[in-house]
Structure formats: structure tokens, C-alpha cells
Amino acid sequence: MTHDPADLTVDDYLDGAREMAPAGPPFLAHLLAEEAARRVDDPATARSIRAQYTDPTTNRV
């Protein structure tokens, strides 16, 4: 990895989530999006990010 993880931005994490969602493991996309949501100051934006990348391990009935 060429970057220090501490230097990654919200956009970096969201870009990773977008790349992983269709091609990679869905849980990795969820984790990247969760980290992006944690770094956002606006609660509405964080909720929106979480809604787009829900936890694939959650059983919903």
C-alpha cells in the first residue's frame, strides 16, 4: 500500500467500497463504507452511506 491509512479520506473509503460492491466481497464494501461514515461529520450523510452499504451478514426477517 502506498498510503498511510491515517491519510485516507472519506472519498478514498467510498471509492474502495464502490469498487468492492460489484466485484468483491460485500462485507469488505460494507466495512469500507462504515469507516467512511464514521469519518463524516454530518449524521444525515453518515446514515445515507450506511443505507447504501448495509451489513450483508445481518439476517432480516
N, C-alpha and C. Protein backbone atom coordinates (compact mmCIF):
# COMPACT_ATOMS: atom_id res chain seq x y z
N MET A 1 0.85 -1.17 0.00
CA MET A 1 0.00 0.00 0.00
C MET A 1 0.89 1.23 0.00
N THR A 2 0.58 2.18 -0.83
CA THR A 2 1.43 3.36 -0.94
C THR A 2 1.02 4.48 -0.01
N HIS A 3 -0.10 4.35 0.63
CA HIS A 3 -0.62 5.40 1.51
C HIS A 3 -0.58 4.96 2.96
N ASP A 4 -0.39 5.94 3.81
CA ASP A 4 -0.56 5.70 5.24
C ASP A 4 -2.07 5.68 5.49
N PRO A 5 -2.63 4.64 6.09
CA PRO A 5 -4.07 4.58 6.31
C PRO A 5 -4.62 5.81 7.04
N ALA A 6 -3.81 6.45 7.84
CA ALA A 6 -4.27 7.64 8.55
C ALA A 6 -4.52 8.80 7.59
N ASP A 7 -3.93 8.74 6.40
CA ASP A 7 -4.09 9.81 5.42
C ASP A 7 -5.28 9.60 4.48
N LEU A 8 -5.95 8.46 4.58
CA LEU A 8 -7.08 8.19 3.69
C LEU A 8 -8.26 9.08 4.05
N THR A 9 -8.99 9.50 3.03
CA THR A 9 -10.14 10.39 3.22
C THR A 9 -11.44 9.61 3.11
N VAL A 10 -12.52 10.28 3.41
CA VAL A 10 -13.85 9.69 3.25
C VAL A 10 -14.02 9.23 1.80
N ASP A 11 -13.62 10.06 0.87
CA ASP A 11 -13.74 9.69 -0.54
C ASP A 11 -12.92 8.46 -0.89
N ASP A 12 -11.74 8.33 -0.30
CA ASP A 12 -10.93 7.14 -0.54
C ASP A 12 -11.67 5.88 -0.09
N TYR A 13 -12.27 5.93 1.09
CA TYR A 13 -13.01 4.78 1.60
C TYR A 13 -14.25 4.50 0.74
N LEU A 14 -14.95 5.54 0.32
CA LEU A 14 -16.12 5.33 -0.52
C LEU A 14 -15.74 4.79 -1.89
N ASP A 15 -14.64 5.26 -2.44
CA ASP A 15 -14.17 4.72 -3.72
C ASP A 15 -13.88 3.23 -3.59
N GLY A 16 -13.24 2.85 -2.50
CA GLY A 16 -12.96 1.44 -2.26
C GLY A 16 -14.24 0.63 -2.13
N ALA A 17 -15.22 1.18 -1.42
CA ALA A 17 -16.49 0.48 -1.25
C ALA A 17 -17.19 0.31 -2.59
N ARG A 18 -17.16 1.35 -3.42
CA ARG A 18 -17.78 1.26 -4.75
C ARG A 18 -17.11 0.20 -5.61
N GLU A 19 -15.81 0.08 -5.50
CA GLU A 19 -15.08 -0.93 -6.27
C GLU A 19 -15.38 -2.34 -5.76
N MET A 20 -15.50 -2.50 -4.46
CA MET A 20 -15.72 -3.82 -3.88
C MET A 20 -17.17 -4.30 -4.03
N ALA A 21 -18.12 -3.39 -4.04
CA ALA A 21 -19.53 -3.78 -4.04
C ALA A 21 -19.89 -4.72 -5.20
N PRO A 22 -19.57 -4.39 -6.44
CA PRO A 22 -19.98 -5.30 -7.52
C PRO A 22 -19.01 -6.46 -7.75
N ALA A 23 -17.73 -6.26 -7.45
CA ALA A 23 -16.74 -7.25 -7.84
C ALA A 23 -16.16 -8.05 -6.68
N GLY A 24 -16.20 -7.48 -5.51
CA GLY A 24 -15.52 -8.13 -4.39
C GLY A 24 -16.47 -8.60 -3.33
N PRO A 25 -15.91 -8.96 -2.21
CA PRO A 25 -16.73 -9.42 -1.09
C PRO A 25 -17.62 -8.29 -0.58
N PRO A 26 -18.93 -8.54 -0.44
CA PRO A 26 -19.83 -7.47 0.02
C PRO A 26 -19.50 -6.98 1.43
N PHE A 27 -18.95 -7.86 2.28
CA PHE A 27 -18.64 -7.42 3.64
C PHE A 27 -17.50 -6.41 3.64
N LEU A 28 -16.54 -6.57 2.74
CA LEU A 28 -15.44 -5.60 2.65
C LEU A 28 -15.98 -4.24 2.20
N ALA A 29 -16.90 -4.23 1.25
CA ALA A 29 -17.52 -2.96 0.83
C ALA A 29 -18.23 -2.32 2.01
N HIS A 30 -18.93 -3.13 2.79
CA HIS A 30 -19.62 -2.61 3.98
C HIS A 30 -18.63 -2.00 4.98
N LEU A 31 -17.52 -2.69 5.23
CA LEU A 31 -16.53 -2.18 6.19
C LEU A 31 -15.91 -0.87 5.72
N LEU A 32 -15.60 -0.78 4.44
CA LEU A 32 -15.04 0.47 3.90
C LEU A 32 -16.05 1.61 4.01
N ALA A 33 -17.29 1.33 3.69
CA ALA A 33 -18.33 2.36 3.80
C ALA A 33 -18.57 2.75 5.26
N GLU A 34 -18.51 1.78 6.16
CA GLU A 34 -18.68 2.08 7.59
C GLU A 34 -17.59 3.02 8.08
N GLU A 35 -16.37 2.79 7.63
CA GLU A 35 -15.28 3.69 8.02
C GLU A 35 -15.49 5.08 7.44
N ALA A 36 -15.98 5.15 6.21
CA ALA A 36 -16.29 6.46 5.62
C ALA A 36 -17.36 7.16 6.44
N ALA A 37 -18.40 6.43 6.82
CA ALA A 37 -19.49 7.02 7.61
C ALA A 37 -18.99 7.51 8.97
N ARG A 38 -18.06 6.78 9.57
CA ARG A 38 -17.50 7.21 10.86
C ARG A 38 -16.74 8.53 10.74
N ARG A 39 -16.18 8.77 9.56
CA ARG A 39 -15.35 9.97 9.38
C ARG A 39 -16.14 11.20 8.93
N VAL A 40 -17.43 11.04 8.67
CA VAL A 40 -18.27 12.14 8.22
C VAL A 40 -18.83 12.87 9.43
N ASP A 41 -18.82 14.19 9.37
CA ASP A 41 -19.34 14.98 10.48
C ASP A 41 -20.87 15.09 10.48
N ASP A 42 -21.47 15.01 9.32
CA ASP A 42 -22.92 15.19 9.19
C ASP A 42 -23.64 13.84 9.41
N PRO A 43 -24.48 13.74 10.44
CA PRO A 43 -25.17 12.48 10.72
C PRO A 43 -26.06 12.00 9.56
N ALA A 44 -26.68 12.92 8.84
CA ALA A 44 -27.54 12.52 7.73
C ALA A 44 -26.71 11.88 6.61
N THR A 45 -25.55 12.42 6.35
CA THR A 45 -24.67 11.84 5.34
C THR A 45 -24.19 10.46 5.78
N ALA A 46 -23.84 10.33 7.04
CA ALA A 46 -23.39 9.03 7.56
C ALA A 46 -24.51 7.99 7.43
N ARG A 47 -25.75 8.37 7.75
CA ARG A 47 -26.88 7.44 7.61
C ARG A 47 -27.07 7.03 6.15
N SER A 48 -26.91 7.99 5.25
CA SER A 48 -27.05 7.70 3.82
C SER A 48 -26.00 6.71 3.34
N ILE A 49 -24.77 6.90 3.78
CA ILE A 49 -23.69 5.97 3.42
C ILE A 49 -24.01 4.58 3.95
N ARG A 50 -24.42 4.50 5.20
CA ARG A 50 -24.72 3.20 5.81
C ARG A 50 -25.90 2.51 5.11
N ALA A 51 -26.87 3.31 4.66
CA ALA A 51 -28.03 2.74 3.97
C ALA A 51 -27.64 2.14 2.61
N GLN A 52 -26.65 2.72 1.98
CA GLN A 52 -26.22 2.24 0.67
C GLN A 52 -25.41 0.96 0.77
N TYR A 53 -24.72 0.77 1.88
CA TYR A 53 -23.84 -0.39 2.06
C TYR A 53 -24.19 -1.10 3.36
N THR A 54 -25.33 -1.76 3.34
CA THR A 54 -25.79 -2.45 4.55
C THR A 54 -24.93 -3.66 4.85
N ASP A 55 -24.96 -4.08 6.07
CA ASP A 55 -24.18 -5.24 6.52
C ASP A 55 -24.77 -6.50 5.91
N PRO A 56 -24.02 -7.18 5.04
CA PRO A 56 -24.56 -8.38 4.39
C PRO A 56 -24.70 -9.58 5.32
N THR A 57 -24.16 -9.49 6.51
CA THR A 57 -24.25 -10.62 7.45
C THR A 57 -25.47 -10.52 8.35
N THR A 58 -26.21 -9.44 8.24
CA THR A 58 -27.39 -9.24 9.07
C THR A 58 -28.55 -10.04 8.50
N ASN A 59 -29.17 -10.83 9.32
CA ASN A 59 -30.36 -11.60 8.88
C ASN A 59 -31.58 -10.75 9.12
N ARG A 60 -32.29 -10.45 8.07
CA ARG A 60 -33.52 -9.66 8.20
C ARG A 60 -34.71 -10.56 7.86
N VAL A 61 -35.67 -10.50 8.71
CA VAL A 61 -36.86 -11.35 8.52
C VAL A 61 -38.01 -10.50 8.10
